[in-house]
């Protein structure tokens, strides 16, 4: 399937995207929204695998893009908040010709789950057809996140730009290989374990080697989110979770629009195993295939 790189305008900046399609005029558009500090390929190239799998099976156009401040898009993460990234996603959708005649499918991981839940509702409220949304390993809320950034000061007293490393309280160890050589151990220990886990759930720090700065407003935005309160139950929805360390139980409660699929394994490691990644791709393809009667195309 042909791939091409494109830069998409979002407010006063440009987002780097990769578009996978055999026909840019396809009716169905899949938009992949990555996790915090990740890029359009996602961990272990999960999004690239989803893109190739979906576009190879359906006549869909699939868009991977870097959120503002990430990857090859303009800016630094600390310059942006949650609503900037929601606007990025909306602007990606509106970058297509005749976007109000398209069917959009949004897929998220980490903070991308938060972003697509807001973007789906805003797109829908403006008359744009959001046909489905897929949440991969979502967490319902991060209402305690502000407390993880407190030490001797309250969160309200912190500066507008937060140094994450300061609050993670990372320590490193040197492993001695011989009497004459020390090997620097690249995997640190995080004394603030709650913050570390929270950042992993947002899609960041999976390999314990990313340090960055966040805006205070971003943390405030995240703390106010609840997936159960925010998700639009009228949109066809797929939730993919691990069976271990589930961060919350998404219960459809008889809603036929919501499908929950479970993959054997730990939510914290869901992206790092090739077999589980293949399962994620298969479940997404099956989800689209089950609903194939809703689309006007031929396989």
C-alpha atoms as a PDB file:
ATOM      1  CA  UNK A   1       0.000   0.000   0.000  1.00  0.00           C
ATOM      2  CA  UNK A   2       1.469   3.411  -0.956  1.00  0.00           C
ATOM      3  CA  UNK A   3       2.818   5.547   1.906  1.00  0.00           C
ATOM      4  CA  UNK A   4       3.526   9.233   1.733  1.00  0.00           C
ATOM      5  CA  UNK A   5       4.591  11.875   4.231  1.00  0.00           C
ATOM      6  CA  UNK A   6       2.533  14.994   4.637  1.00  0.00           C
ATOM      7  CA  UNK A   7       2.641  18.102   6.839  1.00  0.00           C
ATOM      8  CA  UNK A   8      -0.720  19.174   8.215  1.00  0.00           C
ATOM      9  CA  UNK A   9      -1.437  22.683   9.507  1.00  0.00           C
ATOM     10  CA  UNK A  10      -2.694  22.820  13.092  1.00  0.00           C
ATOM     11  CA  UNK A  11      -3.280  26.342  14.376  1.00  0.00           C
ATOM     12  CA  UNK A  12       0.094  28.103  13.938  1.00  0.00           C
ATOM     13  CA  UNK A  13       2.265  25.009  13.540  1.00  0.00           C
ATOM     14  CA  UNK A  14       2.720  21.947  11.351  1.00  0.00           C
ATOM     15  CA  UNK A  15       2.238  18.278  12.204  1.00  0.00           C
ATOM     16  CA  UNK A  16       4.232  15.545  10.507  1.00  0.00           C
ATOM     17  CA  UNK A  17       2.072  12.685   9.259  1.00  0.00           C
ATOM     18  CA  UNK A  18       2.372   9.473   7.285  1.00  0.00           C
ATOM     19  CA  UNK A  19      -0.646   8.522   5.191  1.00  0.00           C
ATOM     20  CA  UNK A  20      -1.209   4.936   4.079  1.00  0.00           C
ATOM     21  CA  UNK A  21      -3.726   4.635   1.254  1.00  0.00           C
ATOM     22  CA  UNK A  22      -4.368   3.318  -2.211  1.00  0.00           C
ATOM     23  CA  UNK A  23      -6.848   6.130  -2.825  1.00  0.00           C
ATOM     24  CA  UNK A  24      -6.770   9.452  -0.985  1.00  0.00           C
ATOM     25  CA  UNK A  25     -10.474   9.799  -1.788  1.00  0.00           C
ATOM     26  CA  UNK A  26     -11.434   6.761   0.317  1.00  0.00           C
ATOM     27  CA  UNK A  27     -14.577   7.363   2.334  1.00  0.00           C
ATOM     28  CA  UNK A  28     -13.205   5.803   5.528  1.00  0.00           C
ATOM     29  CA  UNK A  29     -10.361   7.535   7.374  1.00  0.00           C
ATOM     30  CA  UNK A  30      -8.558   5.973  10.360  1.00  0.00           C
ATOM     31  CA  UNK A  31      -6.641   8.402  12.599  1.00  0.00           C
ATOM     32  CA  UNK A  32      -4.101   6.963  15.052  1.00  0.00           C
ATOM     33  CA  UNK A  33      -3.299   9.094  18.126  1.00  0.00           C
ATOM     34  CA  UNK A  34      -0.179   8.058  20.055  1.00  0.00           C
ATOM     35  CA  UNK A  35       0.750   8.200  23.738  1.00  0.00           C
ATOM     36  CA  UNK A  36       2.598  10.866  25.714  1.00  0.00           C
ATOM     37  CA  UNK A  37       6.214  11.367  24.524  1.00  0.00           C
ATOM     38  CA  UNK A  38       5.737   8.655  21.896  1.00  0.00           C
ATOM     39  CA  UNK A  39       5.580   9.227  18.121  1.00  0.00           C
ATOM     40  CA  UNK A  40       3.362   8.296  15.194  1.00  0.00           C
ATOM     41  CA  UNK A  41       4.862   4.791  14.987  1.00  0.00           C
ATOM     42  CA  UNK A  42       4.048   4.077  18.689  1.00  0.00           C
ATOM     43  CA  UNK A  43       5.926   1.585  20.887  1.00  0.00           C
ATOM     44  CA  UNK A  44       7.536  -1.260  18.945  1.00  0.00           C
ATOM     45  CA  UNK A  45       5.926   0.200  15.802  1.00  0.00           C
ATOM     46  CA  UNK A  46       2.422  -0.863  16.902  1.00  0.00           C
ATOM     47  CA  UNK A  47       0.745   1.899  14.895  1.00  0.00           C
ATOM     48  CA  UNK A  48       2.714   1.061  11.786  1.00  0.00           C
ATOM     49  CA  UNK A  49       1.510  -2.540  12.123  1.00  0.00           C
ATOM     50  CA  UNK A  50      -2.090  -1.402  12.595  1.00  0.00           C
ATOM     51  CA  UNK A  51      -1.793   0.891   9.590  1.00  0.00           C
ATOM     52  CA  UNK A  52      -0.485  -1.825   7.286  1.00  0.00           C
ATOM     53  CA  UNK A  53      -2.961  -4.382   8.610  1.00  0.00           C
ATOM     54  CA  UNK A  54      -6.057  -2.207   8.258  1.00  0.00           C
ATOM     55  CA  UNK A  55      -5.166  -0.584   4.924  1.00  0.00           C
ATOM     56  CA  UNK A  56      -4.213  -3.973   3.511  1.00  0.00           C
ATOM     57  CA  UNK A  57      -7.587  -5.482   4.404  1.00  0.00           C
ATOM     58  CA  UNK A  58      -9.979  -2.587   3.859  1.00  0.00           C
ATOM     59  CA  UNK A  59     -10.157   0.358   1.446  1.00  0.00           C
ATOM     60  CA  UNK A  60      -9.400   2.730   4.307  1.00  0.00           C
ATOM     61  CA  UNK A  61      -6.984   5.638   4.426  1.00  0.00           C
ATOM     62  CA  UNK A  62      -4.884   5.413   7.620  1.00  0.00           C
ATOM     63  CA  UNK A  63      -3.156   8.449   9.132  1.00  0.00           C
ATOM     64  CA  UNK A  64      -0.308   8.315  11.646  1.00  0.00           C
ATOM     65  CA  UNK A  65       0.814  11.704  12.910  1.00  0.00           C
ATOM     66  CA  UNK A  66       3.025  13.245  15.563  1.00  0.00           C
ATOM     67  CA  UNK A  67       1.202  15.404  18.082  1.00  0.00           C
ATOM     68  CA  UNK A  68       2.547  18.921  18.538  1.00  0.00           C
ATOM     69  CA  UNK A  69       5.892  18.805  20.356  1.00  0.00           C
ATOM     70  CA  UNK A  70       6.423  15.137  19.511  1.00  0.00           C
ATOM     71  CA  UNK A  71       8.502  13.384  16.877  1.00  0.00           C
ATOM     72  CA  UNK A  72       8.878  15.409  13.681  1.00  0.00           C
ATOM     73  CA  UNK A  73       6.072  17.874  14.432  1.00  0.00           C
ATOM     74  CA  UNK A  74       6.875  21.424  15.463  1.00  0.00           C
ATOM     75  CA  UNK A  75       7.368  22.602  19.023  1.00  0.00           C
ATOM     76  CA  UNK A  76       8.326  21.081  22.369  1.00  0.00           C
ATOM     77  CA  UNK A  77       6.039  19.046  24.614  1.00  0.00           C
ATOM     78  CA  UNK A  78       6.233  21.604  27.415  1.00  0.00           C
ATOM     79  CA  UNK A  79       4.609  24.237  25.159  1.00  0.00           C
ATOM     80  CA  UNK A  80       1.337  22.326  24.834  1.00  0.00           C
ATOM     81  CA  UNK A  81      -1.629  21.115  26.841  1.00  0.00           C
ATOM     82  CA  UNK A  82      -4.298  18.478  26.327  1.00  0.00           C
ATOM     83  CA  UNK A  83      -6.597  20.759  24.356  1.00  0.00           C
ATOM     84  CA  UNK A  84      -3.837  21.648  21.888  1.00  0.00           C
ATOM     85  CA  UNK A  85      -3.553  17.936  21.097  1.00  0.00           C
ATOM     86  CA  UNK A  86      -7.319  17.527  20.814  1.00  0.00           C
ATOM     87  CA  UNK A  87      -7.244  20.371  18.286  1.00  0.00           C
ATOM     88  CA  UNK A  88      -4.385  18.625  16.456  1.00  0.00           C
ATOM     89  CA  UNK A  89      -6.569  15.542  16.007  1.00  0.00           C
ATOM     90  CA  UNK A  90      -9.548  17.581  14.837  1.00  0.00           C
ATOM     91  CA  UNK A  91      -7.330  19.493  12.385  1.00  0.00           C
ATOM     92  CA  UNK A  92      -5.981  16.218  10.969  1.00  0.00           C
ATOM     93  CA  UNK A  93      -9.564  15.109  10.280  1.00  0.00           C
ATOM     94  CA  UNK A  94     -10.449  18.447   8.699  1.00  0.00           C
ATOM     95  CA  UNK A  95      -7.348  18.389   6.494  1.00  0.00           C
ATOM     96  CA  UNK A  96      -9.106  15.961   4.126  1.00  0.00           C
ATOM     97  CA  UNK A  97     -11.066  17.299   1.191  1.00  0.00           C
ATOM     98  CA  UNK A  98     -14.803  16.888   1.730  1.00  0.00           C
ATOM     99  CA  UNK A  99     -14.160  15.799   5.317  1.00  0.00           C
ATOM    100  CA  UNK A 100     -17.842  16.257   6.168  1.00  0.00           C
ATOM    101  CA  UNK A 101     -18.620  13.406   3.763  1.00  0.00           C
ATOM    102  CA  UNK A 102     -16.092  10.983   5.298  1.00  0.00           C
ATOM    103  CA  UNK A 103     -16.428   8.300   7.964  1.00  0.00           C
ATOM    104  CA  UNK A 104     -13.778   8.685  10.666  1.00  0.00           C
ATOM    105  CA  UNK A 105     -12.408   5.984  12.936  1.00  0.00           C
ATOM    106  CA  UNK A 106     -10.226   7.133  15.852  1.00  0.00           C
ATOM    107  CA  UNK A 107      -7.699   4.891  17.616  1.00  0.00           C
ATOM    108  CA  UNK A 108      -5.807   5.864  20.765  1.00  0.00           C
ATOM    109  CA  UNK A 109      -3.251   4.606  23.257  1.00  0.00           C
ATOM    110  CA  UNK A 110      -2.123   6.252  26.500  1.00  0.00           C
ATOM    111  CA  UNK A 111      -3.004   9.932  26.456  1.00  0.00           C
ATOM    112  CA  UNK A 112      -4.285   9.266  22.941  1.00  0.00           C
ATOM    113  CA  UNK A 113      -7.278   7.539  24.563  1.00  0.00           C
ATOM    114  CA  UNK A 114      -8.131  10.780  26.336  1.00  0.00           C
ATOM    115  CA  UNK A 115      -7.597  12.818  23.176  1.00  0.00           C
ATOM    116  CA  UNK A 116      -9.810  10.702  20.905  1.00  0.00           C
ATOM    117  CA  UNK A 117     -12.685  10.652  23.413  1.00  0.00           C
ATOM    118  CA  UNK A 118     -12.779  14.470  23.351  1.00  0.00           C
ATOM    119  CA  UNK A 119     -12.047  14.791  19.638  1.00  0.00           C
ATOM    120  CA  UNK A 120     -14.782  12.317  18.720  1.00  0.00           C
ATOM    121  CA  UNK A 121     -17.419  14.328  20.578  1.00  0.00           C
ATOM    122  CA  UNK A 122     -16.259  17.648  19.148  1.00  0.00           C
ATOM    123  CA  UNK A 123     -16.118  16.332  15.585  1.00  0.00           C
ATOM    124  CA  UNK A 124     -19.538  14.764  15.977  1.00  0.00           C
ATOM    125  CA  UNK A 125     -21.016  17.968  17.412  1.00  0.00           C
ATOM    126  CA  UNK A 126     -19.854  19.832  14.294  1.00  0.00           C
ATOM    127  CA  UNK A 127     -21.649  17.368  12.037  1.00  0.00           C
ATOM    128  CA  UNK A 128     -18.664  15.183  11.128  1.00  0.00           C
ATOM    129  CA  UNK A 129     -19.293  11.425  11.041  1.00  0.00           C
ATOM    130  CA  UNK A 130     -17.183   9.674  13.701  1.00  0.00           C
ATOM    131  CA  UNK A 131     -18.119   6.097  12.985  1.00  0.00           C
ATOM    132  CA  UNK A 132     -15.982   4.283  15.519  1.00  0.00           C
ATOM    133  CA  UNK A 133     -13.459   4.758  18.295  1.00  0.00           C
ATOM    134  CA  UNK A 134     -10.928   2.240  19.602  1.00  0.00           C
ATOM    135  CA  UNK A 135      -9.287   2.543  23.014  1.00  0.00           C
ATOM    136  CA  UNK A 136      -6.149   0.438  23.546  1.00  0.00           C
ATOM    137  CA  UNK A 137      -5.321  -0.320  27.182  1.00  0.00           C
ATOM    138  CA  UNK A 138      -7.147   2.749  28.533  1.00  0.00           C
ATOM    139  CA  UNK A 139      -7.252   4.007  32.117  1.00  0.00           C
ATOM    140  CA  UNK A 140     -10.478   5.555  33.311  1.00  0.00           C
ATOM    141  CA  UNK A 141      -9.023   8.538  35.160  1.00  0.00           C
ATOM    142  CA  UNK A 142      -5.847  10.151  36.476  1.00  0.00           C
ATOM    143  CA  UNK A 143      -7.471  12.115  39.270  1.00  0.00           C
ATOM    144  CA  UNK A 144      -4.498  11.561  41.612  1.00  0.00           C
ATOM    145  CA  UNK A 145      -1.802  12.691  39.191  1.00  0.00           C
ATOM    146  CA  UNK A 146      -1.363  16.165  40.732  1.00  0.00           C
ATOM    147  CA  UNK A 147      -0.466  14.645  44.106  1.00  0.00           C
ATOM    148  CA  UNK A 148       2.446  12.772  42.480  1.00  0.00           C
ATOM    149  CA  UNK A 149       4.034  16.112  41.611  1.00  0.00           C
ATOM    150  CA  UNK A 150       4.054  17.358  45.181  1.00  0.00           C
ATOM    151  CA  UNK A 151       7.086  17.354  47.462  1.00  0.00           C
ATOM    152  CA  UNK A 152       7.586  20.163  49.959  1.00  0.00           C
ATOM    153  CA  UNK A 153       5.245  22.373  47.901  1.00  0.00           C
ATOM    154  CA  UNK A 154       1.631  21.868  46.890  1.00  0.00           C
ATOM    155  CA  UNK A 155       0.842  21.397  43.199  1.00  0.00           C
ATOM    156  CA  UNK A 156      -0.689  24.878  43.053  1.00  0.00           C
ATOM    157  CA  UNK A 157       2.665  26.381  44.083  1.00  0.00           C
ATOM    158  CA  UNK A 158       4.641  24.720  41.293  1.00  0.00           C
ATOM    159  CA  UNK A 159       6.102  26.636  38.346  1.00  0.00           C
ATOM    160  CA  UNK A 160       4.265  26.671  35.029  1.00  0.00           C
ATOM    161  CA  UNK A 161       6.849  24.263  33.532  1.00  0.00           C
ATOM    162  CA  UNK A 162       7.423  21.074  35.539  1.00  0.00           C
ATOM    163  CA  UNK A 163      10.712  19.165  35.442  1.00  0.00           C
ATOM    164  CA  UNK A 164       9.530  15.542  35.438  1.00  0.00           C
ATOM    165  CA  UNK A 165      12.906  14.097  36.397  1.00  0.00           C
ATOM    166  CA  UNK A 166      12.879  16.076  39.627  1.00  0.00           C
ATOM    167  CA  UNK A 167       9.647  14.417  40.742  1.00  0.00           C
ATOM    168  CA  UNK A 168      10.400  10.911  39.480  1.00  0.00           C
ATOM    169  CA  UNK A 169      13.468  10.922  41.758  1.00  0.00           C
ATOM    170  CA  UNK A 170      15.496   8.600  39.575  1.00  0.00           C
ATOM    171  CA  UNK A 171      18.569   6.788  40.835  1.00  0.00           C
ATOM    172  CA  UNK A 172      21.146   4.986  38.716  1.00  0.00           C
ATOM    173  CA  UNK A 173      23.464   2.114  39.455  1.00  0.00           C
ATOM    174  CA  UNK A 174      26.801   1.178  37.890  1.00  0.00           C
ATOM    175  CA  UNK A 175      27.420  -2.498  37.250  1.00  0.00           C
ATOM    176  CA  UNK A 176      31.087  -3.453  37.588  1.00  0.00           C
ATOM    177  CA  UNK A 177      32.141  -5.804  34.796  1.00  0.00           C
ATOM    178  CA  UNK A 178      35.817  -6.005  35.744  1.00  0.00           C
ATOM    179  CA  UNK A 179      38.339  -4.342  38.004  1.00  0.00           C
ATOM    180  CA  UNK A 180      39.133  -1.805  35.295  1.00  0.00           C
ATOM    181  CA  UNK A 181      35.721  -1.095  33.727  1.00  0.00           C
ATOM    182  CA  UNK A 182      32.347   0.114  34.887  1.00  0.00           C
ATOM    183  CA  UNK A 183      29.195  -0.257  32.796  1.00  0.00           C
ATOM    184  CA  UNK A 184      26.639   2.505  33.236  1.00  0.00           C
ATOM    185  CA  UNK A 185      23.268   0.869  33.814  1.00  0.00           C
ATOM    186  CA  UNK A 186      20.747   2.716  31.598  1.00  0.00           C
ATOM    187  CA  UNK A 187      17.641   1.521  33.460  1.00  0.00           C
ATOM    188  CA  UNK A 188      17.077   3.763  36.476  1.00  0.00           C
ATOM    189  CA  UNK A 189      15.042   3.125  39.593  1.00  0.00           C
ATOM    190  CA  UNK A 190      12.139   5.490  40.205  1.00  0.00           C
ATOM    191  CA  UNK A 191      11.584   6.316  43.843  1.00  0.00           C
ATOM    192  CA  UNK A 192       8.287   7.986  42.939  1.00  0.00           C
ATOM    193  CA  UNK A 193       6.754   4.734  41.739  1.00  0.00           C
ATOM    194  CA  UNK A 194       3.203   6.084  41.549  1.00  0.00           C
ATOM    195  CA  UNK A 195       4.223   8.833  39.132  1.00  0.00           C
ATOM    196  CA  UNK A 196       6.245   6.400  37.052  1.00  0.00           C
ATOM    197  CA  UNK A 197       3.270   4.021  36.692  1.00  0.00           C
ATOM    198  CA  UNK A 198       0.979   6.919  35.860  1.00  0.00           C
ATOM    199  CA  UNK A 199       3.303   8.088  33.081  1.00  0.00           C
ATOM    200  CA  UNK A 200       3.445   4.563  31.650  1.00  0.00           C
ATOM    201  CA  UNK A 201      -0.360   4.509  31.608  1.00  0.00           C
ATOM    202  CA  UNK A 202      -0.280   7.793  29.686  1.00  0.00           C
ATOM    203  CA  UNK A 203       1.957   6.120  27.133  1.00  0.00           C
ATOM    204  CA  UNK A 204       5.306   7.433  28.310  1.00  0.00           C
ATOM    205  CA  UNK A 205       8.496   6.104  29.890  1.00  0.00           C
ATOM    206  CA  UNK A 206       7.972   2.538  28.722  1.00  0.00           C
ATOM    207  CA  UNK A 207      11.712   2.006  28.440  1.00  0.00           C
ATOM    208  CA  UNK A 208      12.665   4.171  31.421  1.00  0.00           C
ATOM    209  CA  UNK A 209      14.892   6.415  29.366  1.00  0.00           C
ATOM    210  CA  UNK A 210      12.786   9.439  28.455  1.00  0.00           C
ATOM    211  CA  UNK A 211      12.993  12.600  30.515  1.00  0.00           C
ATOM    212  CA  UNK A 212      11.105  15.725  29.598  1.00  0.00           C
ATOM    213  CA  UNK A 213       9.265  18.770  30.879  1.00  0.00           C
ATOM    214  CA  UNK A 214       5.497  19.196  30.986  1.00  0.00           C
ATOM    215  CA  UNK A 215       3.326  22.248  31.356  1.00  0.00           C
ATOM    216  CA  UNK A 216       1.472  22.535  34.629  1.00  0.00           C
ATOM    217  CA  UNK A 217      -1.751  23.012  32.674  1.00  0.00           C
ATOM    218  CA  UNK A 218      -1.282  19.642  30.956  1.00  0.00           C
ATOM    219  CA  UNK A 219      -1.220  17.881  34.331  1.00  0.00           C
ATOM    220  CA  UNK A 220      -4.286  19.843  35.447  1.00  0.00           C
ATOM    221  CA  UNK A 221      -6.127  18.890  32.235  1.00  0.00           C
ATOM    222  CA  UNK A 222      -5.306  15.212  32.671  1.00  0.00           C
ATOM    223  CA  UNK A 223      -6.424  15.191  36.321  1.00  0.00           C
ATOM    224  CA  UNK A 224      -9.954  16.267  35.336  1.00  0.00           C
ATOM    225  CA  UNK A 225     -10.531  13.477  32.812  1.00  0.00           C
ATOM    226  CA  UNK A 226     -12.825  10.462  33.212  1.00  0.00           C
ATOM    227  CA  UNK A 227     -13.237   8.083  30.282  1.00  0.00           C
ATOM    228  CA  UNK A 228     -16.515   6.637  31.570  1.00  0.00           C
ATOM    229  CA  UNK A 229     -17.963  10.127  31.918  1.00  0.00           C
ATOM    230  CA  UNK A 230     -16.598  11.405  28.621  1.00  0.00           C
ATOM    231  CA  UNK A 231     -16.967   8.569  26.101  1.00  0.00           C
ATOM    232  CA  UNK A 232     -19.812   8.895  23.583  1.00  0.00           C
ATOM    233  CA  UNK A 233     -21.738   5.636  23.907  1.00  0.00           C
ATOM    234  CA  UNK A 234     -23.558   6.217  20.625  1.00  0.00           C
ATOM    235  CA  UNK A 235     -20.333   5.737  18.658  1.00  0.00           C
ATOM    236  CA  UNK A 236     -19.274   2.191  17.796  1.00  0.00           C
ATOM    237  CA  UNK A 237     -16.571   1.478  20.380  1.00  0.00           C
ATOM    238  CA  UNK A 238     -13.895  -1.169  20.863  1.00  0.00           C
ATOM    239  CA  UNK A 239     -11.913  -1.385  24.115  1.00  0.00           C
ATOM    240  CA  UNK A 240      -8.792  -3.597  24.134  1.00  0.00           C
ATOM    241  CA  UNK A 241      -7.306  -4.491  27.519  1.00  0.00           C
ATOM    242  CA  UNK A 242      -4.830  -6.893  29.070  1.00  0.00           C
ATOM    243  CA  UNK A 243      -6.140  -9.474  31.528  1.00  0.00           C
ATOM    244  CA  UNK A 244      -3.559  -8.580  34.185  1.00  0.00           C
ATOM    245  CA  UNK A 245      -3.188  -5.215  35.936  1.00  0.00           C
ATOM    246  CA  UNK A 246      -6.362  -3.944  34.310  1.00  0.00           C
ATOM    247  CA  UNK A 247      -6.573  -0.256  35.148  1.00  0.00           C
ATOM    248  CA  UNK A 248     -10.346  -0.301  35.209  1.00  0.00           C
ATOM    249  CA  UNK A 249     -13.177  -2.499  34.009  1.00  0.00           C
ATOM    250  CA  UNK A 250     -15.107  -1.010  31.110  1.00  0.00           C
ATOM    251  CA  UNK A 251     -18.622  -2.468  31.374  1.00  0.00           C
ATOM    252  CA  UNK A 252     -20.841  -2.060  28.304  1.00  0.00           C
ATOM    253  CA  UNK A 253     -23.977  -2.539  30.468  1.00  0.00           C
ATOM    254  CA  UNK A 254     -26.019  -3.889  27.589  1.00  0.00           C
ATOM    255  CA  UNK A 255     -24.876  -1.245  25.095  1.00  0.00           C
ATOM    256  CA  UNK A 256     -24.480  -3.039  21.774  1.00  0.00           C
ATOM    257  CA  UNK A 257     -22.269  -0.214  20.484  1.00  0.00           C
ATOM    258  CA  UNK A 258     -19.464  -1.140  22.911  1.00  0.00           C
ATOM    259  CA  UNK A 259     -17.275  -4.219  22.546  1.00  0.00           C
ATOM    260  CA  UNK A 260     -14.607  -5.139  25.129  1.00  0.00           C
ATOM    261  CA  UNK A 261     -11.832  -7.501  24.000  1.00  0.00           C
ATOM    262  CA  UNK A 262      -9.189  -8.907  26.321  1.00  0.00           C
ATOM    263  CA  UNK A 263      -5.680 -10.058  25.488  1.00  0.00           C
ATOM    264  CA  UNK A 264      -3.869 -12.428  27.822  1.00  0.00           C
ATOM    265  CA  UNK A 265      -1.077 -10.563  29.590  1.00  0.00           C
ATOM    266  CA  UNK A 266      -0.111  -7.552  31.625  1.00  0.00           C
ATOM    267  CA  UNK A 267      -1.428  -4.118  30.601  1.00  0.00           C
ATOM    268  CA  UNK A 268       1.991  -2.640  31.377  1.00  0.00           C
ATOM    269  CA  UNK A 269       3.616  -4.979  28.839  1.00  0.00           C
ATOM    270  CA  UNK A 270       0.866  -5.086  26.236  1.00  0.00           C
ATOM    271  CA  UNK A 271       2.892  -3.240  23.590  1.00  0.00           C
ATOM    272  CA  UNK A 272       6.233  -4.957  24.104  1.00  0.00           C
ATOM    273  CA  UNK A 273       5.340  -8.470  22.967  1.00  0.00           C
ATOM    274  CA  UNK A 274       5.077  -9.115  19.198  1.00  0.00           C
ATOM    275  CA  UNK A 275       2.425 -11.804  19.667  1.00  0.00           C
ATOM    276  CA  UNK A 276       0.224  -9.468  21.705  1.00  0.00           C
ATOM    277  CA  UNK A 277       0.753  -6.695  19.179  1.00  0.00           C
ATOM    278  CA  UNK A 278      -0.460  -9.043  16.447  1.00  0.00           C
ATOM    279  CA  UNK A 279      -3.500  -9.835  18.596  1.00  0.00           C
ATOM    280  CA  UNK A 280      -4.254  -6.114  18.898  1.00  0.00           C
ATOM    281  CA  UNK A 281      -4.086  -5.731  15.104  1.00  0.00           C
ATOM    282  CA  UNK A 282      -6.296  -8.803  14.609  1.00  0.00           C
ATOM    283  CA  UNK A 283      -8.928  -7.540  17.057  1.00  0.00           C
ATOM    284  CA  UNK A 284      -9.076  -4.183  15.285  1.00  0.00           C
ATOM    285  CA  UNK A 285      -9.441  -5.852  11.879  1.00  0.00           C
ATOM    286  CA  UNK A 286     -12.131  -8.168  13.281  1.00  0.00           C
ATOM    287  CA  UNK A 287     -13.966  -5.175  14.762  1.00  0.00           C
ATOM    288  CA  UNK A 288     -14.072  -3.462  11.373  1.00  0.00           C
ATOM    289  CA  UNK A 289     -14.947  -6.740   9.668  1.00  0.00           C
ATOM    290  CA  UNK A 290     -17.883  -7.464  11.998  1.00  0.00           C
ATOM    291  CA  UNK A 291     -19.278  -4.074  11.061  1.00  0.00           C
ATOM    292  CA  UNK A 292     -18.538  -4.483   7.359  1.00  0.00           C
ATOM    293  CA  UNK A 293     -22.255  -4.361   6.524  1.00  0.00           C
ATOM    294  CA  UNK A 294     -22.118  -0.750   7.708  1.00  0.00           C
ATOM    295  CA  UNK A 295     -19.639   0.178   5.008  1.00  0.00           C
ATOM    296  CA  UNK A 296     -20.223   0.314   1.287  1.00  0.00           C
ATOM    297  CA  UNK A 297     -17.193  -1.447  -0.093  1.00  0.00           C
ATOM    298  CA  UNK A 298     -16.100  -4.792  -1.467  1.00  0.00           C
ATOM    299  CA  UNK A 299     -13.336  -6.816   0.142  1.00  0.00           C
END
